[in-house]
Amino acid sequence: MAVKICTILFLGFNSWKDVKKRQISLWTVCLFALAGLGNMLWEGRLDFWLFFPIGLGAGLLALSIATEGGMGMGDVWIVAALGLMLKPREFAVTLCVGLFLAAVWAAVLLAVFKKNKKTMFPFVPFLFLGYLGGMCLG
């Protein structure tokens, strides 16, 4: 239960910062990632699945560099911290639902609001909604 509350507070706060200021709080990311490592050790989750979020984080980092910030570095750090805190299934559901919702929003921006493909929007709120949706699903 503590992990869920911390994750909701973490994603909620950083969603607010991402929407309002187009940035995230790096100190909360560091604290959340350290808590995630501690939780992982406490639960004994040091296994093969540990490399899933690490590999995904490396891939997103490469994507951020390749797109010259199209996906912000803050988004990458948030995803990496989530990967350390959440169990693999929770992490995958959060990320998949968040990406799906972001894709739907991008389609709405393109089709309805006539934005172009270079339009940027905050991603952390979609991760937040993905986490909340994953809690409802599972």
Protein backbone atom coordinates (compact mmCIF):
# COMPACT_ATOMS: atom_id res chain seq x y z
CA MET A 1 0.00 0.00 0.00
CA ALA A 2 2.87 2.38 0.79
CA VAL A 3 4.34 1.83 -2.69
CA LYS A 4 1.01 2.76 -4.29
CA ILE A 5 0.63 5.91 -2.21
CA CYS A 6 4.22 6.99 -2.88
CA THR A 7 3.80 6.32 -6.60
CA ILE A 8 0.56 8.30 -6.77
CA LEU A 9 2.16 11.23 -4.92
CA PHE A 10 5.30 11.04 -7.06
CA LEU A 11 3.45 10.92 -10.38
CA GLY A 12 0.82 13.44 -9.26
CA PHE A 13 3.39 16.01 -8.17
CA ASN A 14 5.55 15.58 -11.26
CA SER A 15 2.48 15.66 -13.52
CA TRP A 16 1.56 19.02 -12.04
CA LYS A 17 5.12 20.32 -12.54
CA ASP A 18 5.24 18.95 -16.09
CA VAL A 19 1.97 20.66 -17.04
CA LYS A 20 2.66 23.97 -15.27
CA LYS A 21 6.39 24.43 -15.82
CA ARG A 22 7.34 21.87 -18.51
CA GLN A 23 9.84 20.31 -16.13
CA ILE A 24 10.00 17.65 -13.45
CA SER A 25 11.49 17.64 -9.97
CA LEU A 26 14.81 15.84 -10.22
CA TRP A 27 15.19 15.52 -6.45
CA THR A 28 11.86 13.64 -6.21
CA VAL A 29 13.01 11.35 -9.03
CA CYS A 30 16.23 10.58 -7.14
CA LEU A 31 14.39 9.94 -3.86
CA PHE A 32 11.79 7.77 -5.61
CA ALA A 33 14.47 5.78 -7.45
CA LEU A 34 16.41 5.20 -4.20
CA ALA A 35 13.19 4.12 -2.47
CA GLY A 36 12.54 1.82 -5.41
CA LEU A 37 15.96 0.22 -5.07
CA GLY A 38 15.39 -0.23 -1.35
CA ASN A 39 11.96 -1.74 -1.98
CA MET A 40 13.41 -4.04 -4.63
CA LEU A 41 16.03 -5.30 -2.18
CA TRP A 42 13.43 -5.64 0.60
CA GLU A 43 11.14 -7.72 -1.61
CA GLY A 44 14.02 -9.75 -3.07
CA ARG A 45 13.22 -8.78 -6.66
CA LEU A 46 16.77 -8.97 -7.96
CA ASP A 47 16.18 -11.22 -10.94
CA PHE A 48 16.08 -11.21 -14.73
CA TRP A 49 13.12 -8.80 -14.83
CA LEU A 50 15.26 -6.10 -13.26
CA PHE A 51 16.85 -5.67 -16.68
CA PHE A 52 13.50 -4.95 -18.40
CA PRO A 53 13.13 -1.38 -17.07
CA ILE A 54 16.88 -0.81 -17.38
CA GLY A 55 16.84 -1.85 -21.04
CA LEU A 56 13.71 0.15 -21.68
CA GLY A 57 15.24 3.17 -19.98
CA ALA A 58 18.35 2.86 -22.17
CA GLY A 59 16.13 2.63 -25.25
CA LEU A 60 14.15 5.71 -24.22
CA LEU A 61 17.38 7.57 -23.52
CA ALA A 62 18.56 6.73 -27.05
CA LEU A 63 15.17 7.87 -28.40
CA SER A 64 15.45 11.15 -26.51
CA ILE A 65 18.91 11.78 -27.91
CA ALA A 66 17.90 10.72 -31.45
CA THR A 67 14.84 12.98 -31.47
CA GLU A 68 16.86 15.87 -30.00
CA GLY A 69 14.57 16.16 -27.01
CA GLY A 70 11.31 15.12 -28.71
CA MET A 71 10.89 12.93 -25.70
CA GLY A 72 12.31 14.89 -22.81
CA MET A 73 15.05 13.61 -20.55
CA GLY A 74 12.78 14.18 -17.57
CA ASP A 75 10.32 11.68 -19.02
CA VAL A 76 13.13 9.15 -19.34
CA TRP A 77 14.18 9.65 -15.71
CA ILE A 78 10.57 9.29 -14.52
CA VAL A 79 10.16 6.03 -16.47
CA ALA A 80 13.46 4.71 -15.10
CA ALA A 81 12.45 5.52 -11.52
CA LEU A 82 9.08 3.83 -12.05
CA GLY A 83 10.88 0.77 -13.35
CA LEU A 84 12.84 0.53 -10.12
CA MET A 85 9.82 0.94 -7.85
CA LEU A 86 7.08 -1.03 -9.58
CA LYS A 87 6.87 -4.75 -10.18
CA PRO A 88 7.42 -5.71 -13.84
CA ARG A 89 3.71 -6.24 -14.57
CA GLU A 90 2.68 -2.95 -12.95
CA PHE A 91 5.46 -1.16 -14.78
CA ALA A 92 4.49 -2.63 -18.16
CA VAL A 93 0.79 -1.83 -17.67
CA THR A 94 1.55 1.73 -16.53
CA LEU A 95 3.83 2.35 -19.48
CA CYS A 96 1.55 0.74 -22.09
CA VAL A 97 -1.60 2.51 -20.90
CA GLY A 98 0.30 5.80 -20.60
CA LEU A 99 1.71 5.48 -24.12
CA PHE A 100 -1.72 4.55 -25.49
CA LEU A 101 -3.35 7.57 -23.85
CA ALA A 102 -0.58 9.86 -25.10
CA ALA A 103 -1.05 8.48 -28.63
CA VAL A 104 -4.80 9.14 -28.44
CA TRP A 105 -4.13 12.68 -27.24
CA ALA A 106 -1.62 13.22 -30.06
CA ALA A 107 -4.25 12.06 -32.58
CA VAL A 108 -6.77 14.49 -31.08
CA LEU A 109 -4.24 17.32 -31.29
CA LEU A 110 -3.53 16.50 -34.94
CA ALA A 111 -7.10 15.87 -36.11
CA VAL A 112 -9.21 18.23 -34.02
CA PHE A 113 -6.90 21.07 -33.03
CA LYS A 114 -4.92 21.01 -36.31
CA LYS A 115 -1.56 20.95 -34.55
CA ASN A 116 1.50 19.71 -36.40
CA LYS A 117 3.61 16.66 -35.62
CA LYS A 118 6.22 18.79 -33.84
CA THR A 119 3.74 19.89 -31.16
CA MET A 120 5.03 19.00 -27.72
CA PHE A 121 2.90 18.04 -24.74
CA PRO A 122 3.71 16.75 -21.25
CA PHE A 123 4.03 12.97 -20.96
CA VAL A 124 4.11 12.45 -17.18
CA PRO A 125 0.35 13.07 -16.76
CA PHE A 126 -0.28 10.16 -19.13
CA LEU A 127 1.99 7.94 -17.02
CA PHE A 128 -0.02 9.06 -13.98
CA LEU A 129 -3.28 8.16 -15.71
CA GLY A 130 -1.70 4.90 -16.87
CA TYR A 131 -0.80 4.02 -13.30
CA LEU A 132 -4.27 4.87 -12.00
CA GLY A 133 -5.83 2.91 -14.89
CA GLY A 134 -3.57 -0.05 -14.16
CA MET A 135 -4.68 0.01 -10.53
CA CYS A 136 -8.30 -0.14 -11.68
CA LEU A 137 -7.55 -2.98 -14.13
CA GLY A 138 -5.60 -5.13 -11.72
